[in-house]
C-alpha atoms as a PDB file:
ATOM      1  CA  UNK A   1       0.000   0.000   0.000  1.00  0.00           C
ATOM      2  CA  UNK A   2       1.355   3.426  -0.925  1.00  0.00           C
ATOM      3  CA  UNK A   3       2.214   5.846   1.889  1.00  0.00           C
ATOM      4  CA  UNK A   4      -0.148   8.466   0.427  1.00  0.00           C
ATOM      5  CA  UNK A   5      -3.021   5.957   0.526  1.00  0.00           C
ATOM      6  CA  UNK A   6      -2.229   5.065   4.137  1.00  0.00           C
ATOM      7  CA  UNK A   7      -2.151   8.769   5.023  1.00  0.00           C
ATOM      8  CA  UNK A   8      -5.502   9.335   3.272  1.00  0.00           C
ATOM      9  CA  UNK A   9      -7.134   6.452   5.163  1.00  0.00           C
ATOM     10  CA  UNK A  10      -5.784   7.663   8.506  1.00  0.00           C
ATOM     11  CA  UNK A  11      -6.910  11.241   7.768  1.00  0.00           C
ATOM     12  CA  UNK A  12     -10.387   9.978   6.812  1.00  0.00           C
ATOM     13  CA  UNK A  13     -10.710   7.975  10.010  1.00  0.00           C
ATOM     14  CA  UNK A  14      -9.571  10.968  12.091  1.00  0.00           C
ATOM     15  CA  UNK A  15     -12.059  13.304  10.392  1.00  0.00           C
ATOM     16  CA  UNK A  16     -14.862  10.785  10.933  1.00  0.00           C
ATOM     17  CA  UNK A  17     -13.938  10.313  14.609  1.00  0.00           C
ATOM     18  CA  UNK A  18     -13.687  14.079  15.124  1.00  0.00           C
ATOM     19  CA  UNK A  19     -17.112  14.584  13.510  1.00  0.00           C
ATOM     20  CA  UNK A  20     -18.721  11.928  15.678  1.00  0.00           C
ATOM     21  CA  UNK A  21     -17.106  13.335  18.829  1.00  0.00           C
ATOM     22  CA  UNK A  22     -17.992  16.996  18.168  1.00  0.00           C
ATOM     23  CA  UNK A  23     -21.690  16.579  17.276  1.00  0.00           C
ATOM     24  CA  UNK A  24     -24.496  15.230  19.469  1.00  0.00           C
ATOM     25  CA  UNK A  25     -27.945  15.313  17.824  1.00  0.00           C
ATOM     26  CA  UNK A  26     -31.075  14.342  19.744  1.00  0.00           C
ATOM     27  CA  UNK A  27     -34.519  14.092  18.142  1.00  0.00           C
ATOM     28  CA  UNK A  28     -36.942  16.176  20.208  1.00  0.00           C
ATOM     29  CA  UNK A  29     -40.137  15.651  18.226  1.00  0.00           C
ATOM     30  CA  UNK A  30     -41.445  12.711  16.222  1.00  0.00           C
ATOM     31  CA  UNK A  31     -42.353  12.898  12.552  1.00  0.00           C
ATOM     32  CA  UNK A  32     -46.028  12.972  11.683  1.00  0.00           C
ATOM     33  CA  UNK A  33     -47.040  12.264   8.126  1.00  0.00           C
ATOM     34  CA  UNK A  34     -50.039  14.037   6.647  1.00  0.00           C
ATOM     35  CA  UNK A  35     -53.423  12.340   6.761  1.00  0.00           C
ATOM     36  CA  UNK A  36     -54.250  11.444   3.202  1.00  0.00           C
ATOM     37  CA  UNK A  37     -57.876  11.251   2.188  1.00  0.00           C
ATOM     38  CA  UNK A  38     -60.112  13.562   0.188  1.00  0.00           C
ATOM     39  CA  UNK A  39     -58.892  16.498   2.256  1.00  0.00           C
ATOM     40  CA  UNK A  40     -55.208  16.651   3.181  1.00  0.00           C
ATOM     41  CA  UNK A  41     -53.954  18.098   6.457  1.00  0.00           C
ATOM     42  CA  UNK A  42     -50.388  19.349   6.754  1.00  0.00           C
ATOM     43  CA  UNK A  43     -47.703  17.099   8.146  1.00  0.00           C
ATOM     44  CA  UNK A  44     -44.946  17.851  10.606  1.00  0.00           C
ATOM     45  CA  UNK A  45     -41.193  17.502  10.276  1.00  0.00           C
ATOM     46  CA  UNK A  46     -39.182  16.234  13.248  1.00  0.00           C
ATOM     47  CA  UNK A  47     -37.315  18.720  15.439  1.00  0.00           C
ATOM     48  CA  UNK A  48     -33.737  18.173  16.603  1.00  0.00           C
ATOM     49  CA  UNK A  49     -31.468  19.718  19.227  1.00  0.00           C
ATOM     50  CA  UNK A  50     -27.818  19.674  18.204  1.00  0.00           C
ATOM     51  CA  UNK A  51     -25.002  20.208  20.715  1.00  0.00           C
ATOM     52  CA  UNK A  52     -21.710  20.851  18.973  1.00  0.00           C
ATOM     53  CA  UNK A  53     -18.244  21.324  20.423  1.00  0.00           C
ATOM     54  CA  UNK A  54     -16.795  24.786  20.996  1.00  0.00           C
ATOM     55  CA  UNK A  55     -13.714  25.943  19.175  1.00  0.00           C
ATOM     56  CA  UNK A  56     -12.238  29.227  20.348  1.00  0.00           C
ATOM     57  CA  UNK A  57     -10.418  31.241  17.720  1.00  0.00           C
ATOM     58  CA  UNK A  58      -8.368  34.351  18.383  1.00  0.00           C
ATOM     59  CA  UNK A  59      -5.206  36.212  17.607  1.00  0.00           C
ATOM     60  CA  UNK A  60      -2.245  37.339  19.628  1.00  0.00           C
ATOM     61  CA  UNK A  61       0.850  39.374  18.862  1.00  0.00           C
ATOM     62  CA  UNK A  62       4.145  37.543  19.013  1.00  0.00           C
ATOM     63  CA  UNK A  63       7.631  38.919  18.360  1.00  0.00           C
ATOM     64  CA  UNK A  64       9.772  36.499  16.384  1.00  0.00           C
ATOM     65  CA  UNK A  65      13.528  36.995  16.077  1.00  0.00           C
ATOM     66  CA  UNK A  66      14.577  36.401  12.493  1.00  0.00           C
ATOM     67  CA  UNK A  67      18.247  35.622  11.820  1.00  0.00           C
ATOM     68  CA  UNK A  68      20.172  37.576   9.182  1.00  0.00           C
ATOM     69  CA  UNK A  69      21.427  35.432   6.337  1.00  0.00           C
ATOM     70  CA  UNK A  70      24.306  36.492   4.073  1.00  0.00           C
ATOM     71  CA  UNK A  71      24.027  34.712   0.744  1.00  0.00           C
ATOM     72  CA  UNK A  72      26.759  35.060  -1.845  1.00  0.00           C
ATOM     73  CA  UNK A  73      26.177  33.942  -5.392  1.00  0.00           C
ATOM     74  CA  UNK A  74      28.968  32.228  -7.359  1.00  0.00           C
ATOM     75  CA  UNK A  75      29.506  35.465  -9.380  1.00  0.00           C
ATOM     76  CA  UNK A  76      30.261  37.381  -6.159  1.00  0.00           C
ATOM     77  CA  UNK A  77      32.743  34.675  -5.080  1.00  0.00           C
ATOM     78  CA  UNK A  78      34.628  35.000  -8.399  1.00  0.00           C
ATOM     79  CA  UNK A  79      34.647  38.820  -8.133  1.00  0.00           C
ATOM     80  CA  UNK A  80      35.947  38.652  -4.541  1.00  0.00           C
ATOM     81  CA  UNK A  81      38.747  36.258  -5.553  1.00  0.00           C
ATOM     82  CA  UNK A  82      40.105  38.638  -8.227  1.00  0.00           C
END
């Protein structure tokens, strides 16, 4: 099995597990179909309460020290040697 296929399967399983863990849906009202005869009364769709996980998103300022890099191209090396 190719490594990319293994990675895809593992990622799929993780997404599925995360989705099952983060969502809890409970049916709060039963479905009622319309009465069908000469006159039709309206039906009723079921109601659901869904509790989903919280994800907090925010920003913060961070100072990152960036090193200075001196890059010399081969042309500069030849010019310095002369």
